[in-house]
Protein backbone atom coordinates (compact mmCIF):
# COMPACT_ATOMS: atom_id res chain seq x y z
CA UNK A 1 -5.20 -174.30 109.60
CA UNK A 2 -4.48 -170.69 110.48
CA UNK A 3 -3.66 -169.86 114.08
CA UNK A 4 -4.10 -166.14 114.62
CA UNK A 5 -3.88 -165.93 118.42
CA UNK A 6 -2.80 -167.91 121.48
CA UNK A 7 -6.13 -169.74 121.74
CA UNK A 8 -5.90 -170.90 118.11
CA UNK A 9 -2.29 -172.01 118.60
CA UNK A 10 -3.13 -173.88 121.81
CA UNK A 11 -6.03 -175.63 120.11
CA UNK A 12 -3.75 -176.58 117.22
CA UNK A 13 -1.15 -178.09 119.55
CA UNK A 14 -3.83 -179.95 121.49
CA UNK A 15 -5.25 -181.33 118.23
CA UNK A 16 -1.82 -182.55 117.12
CA UNK A 17 -1.29 -184.24 120.50
CA UNK A 18 -4.72 -185.80 120.37
CA UNK A 19 -4.07 -187.16 116.87
CA UNK A 20 -0.44 -188.26 117.21
CA UNK A 21 0.39 -189.12 120.83
CA UNK A 22 0.26 -192.89 121.28
CA UNK A 23 -2.08 -193.61 124.18
CA UNK A 24 -2.23 -195.25 126.61
CA UNK A 25 1.33 -195.31 127.90
CA UNK A 26 2.84 -195.91 131.32
CA UNK A 27 5.06 -193.48 133.18
CA UNK A 28 6.05 -192.75 136.76
CA UNK A 29 4.68 -189.88 138.82
CA UNK A 30 6.27 -189.41 142.25
CA UNK A 31 7.69 -192.92 142.03
CA UNK A 32 4.36 -194.56 141.25
CA UNK A 33 3.53 -196.17 137.90
CA UNK A 34 0.49 -194.61 136.24
CA UNK A 35 -1.26 -195.08 132.94
CA UNK A 36 -1.77 -191.99 130.80
CA UNK A 37 -5.12 -192.77 129.21
CA UNK A 38 -6.00 -189.50 127.49
CA UNK A 39 -5.22 -185.83 127.26
CA UNK A 40 -7.58 -182.95 127.82
CA UNK A 41 -7.73 -179.19 127.33
CA UNK A 42 -8.82 -177.41 130.51
CA UNK A 43 -11.04 -174.36 130.75
CA UNK A 44 -8.06 -172.33 131.97
CA UNK A 45 -6.06 -173.12 128.83
CA UNK A 46 -3.77 -175.96 129.86
CA UNK A 47 -3.19 -179.30 128.25
CA UNK A 48 -3.29 -182.06 130.86
CA UNK A 49 -2.63 -185.78 130.87
CA UNK A 50 -5.35 -187.81 132.55
CA UNK A 51 -3.49 -190.44 134.57
CA UNK A 52 -5.03 -193.52 136.17
CA UNK A 53 -3.88 -195.94 138.85
CA UNK A 54 -6.04 -198.48 140.65
CA UNK A 55 -9.23 -196.84 139.42
CA UNK A 56 -8.26 -193.36 140.58
CA UNK A 57 -7.81 -190.65 137.95
CA UNK A 58 -5.80 -187.45 138.25
CA UNK A 59 -5.11 -184.73 135.68
CA UNK A 60 -1.48 -183.63 135.56
CA UNK A 61 -0.25 -180.74 133.45
CA UNK A 62 1.49 -182.26 130.46
CA UNK A 63 4.36 -179.81 130.98
CA UNK A 64 4.95 -181.45 134.39
CA UNK A 65 4.53 -185.03 133.21
CA UNK A 66 7.72 -187.11 133.27
CA UNK A 67 7.96 -189.16 130.09
CA UNK A 68 9.09 -192.77 130.06
CA UNK A 69 12.21 -193.90 128.22
CA UNK A 70 11.63 -194.55 125.43
CA UNK A 71 9.06 -191.79 125.04
CA UNK A 72 5.78 -192.70 123.32
CA UNK A 73 5.25 -192.06 119.64
CA UNK A 74 4.12 -188.50 119.09
CA UNK A 75 5.87 -187.10 122.16
CA UNK A 76 7.57 -184.56 119.92
CA UNK A 77 4.27 -182.66 120.16
CA UNK A 78 4.75 -182.42 123.93
CA UNK A 79 8.18 -180.91 123.22
CA UNK A 80 6.55 -178.47 120.78
CA UNK A 81 3.98 -177.49 123.42
CA UNK A 82 6.77 -176.98 125.99
CA UNK A 83 8.60 -174.71 123.60
CA UNK A 84 5.44 -172.78 122.75
CA UNK A 85 4.56 -172.35 126.45
CA UNK A 86 8.01 -170.87 127.23
CA UNK A 87 7.86 -168.11 124.65
């Protein structure tokens, strides 16, 4: 697929994450274990991880999400998004 502008590139990265990131996975946010159940693309152009704990859901920017060790399959696409976002 051709990606001519930032929106196209962002959509491409989101699609690769959606297809290749193994979900759900567990990680820690502020010392609390959460389940990352899905990812989403926000209206303001950010990719977020939708985290859940005890029935409460919170979207966290995937650039701010600490990954577990070992990282889930497909996490190389998070690294690609981080690199793209820094350019």
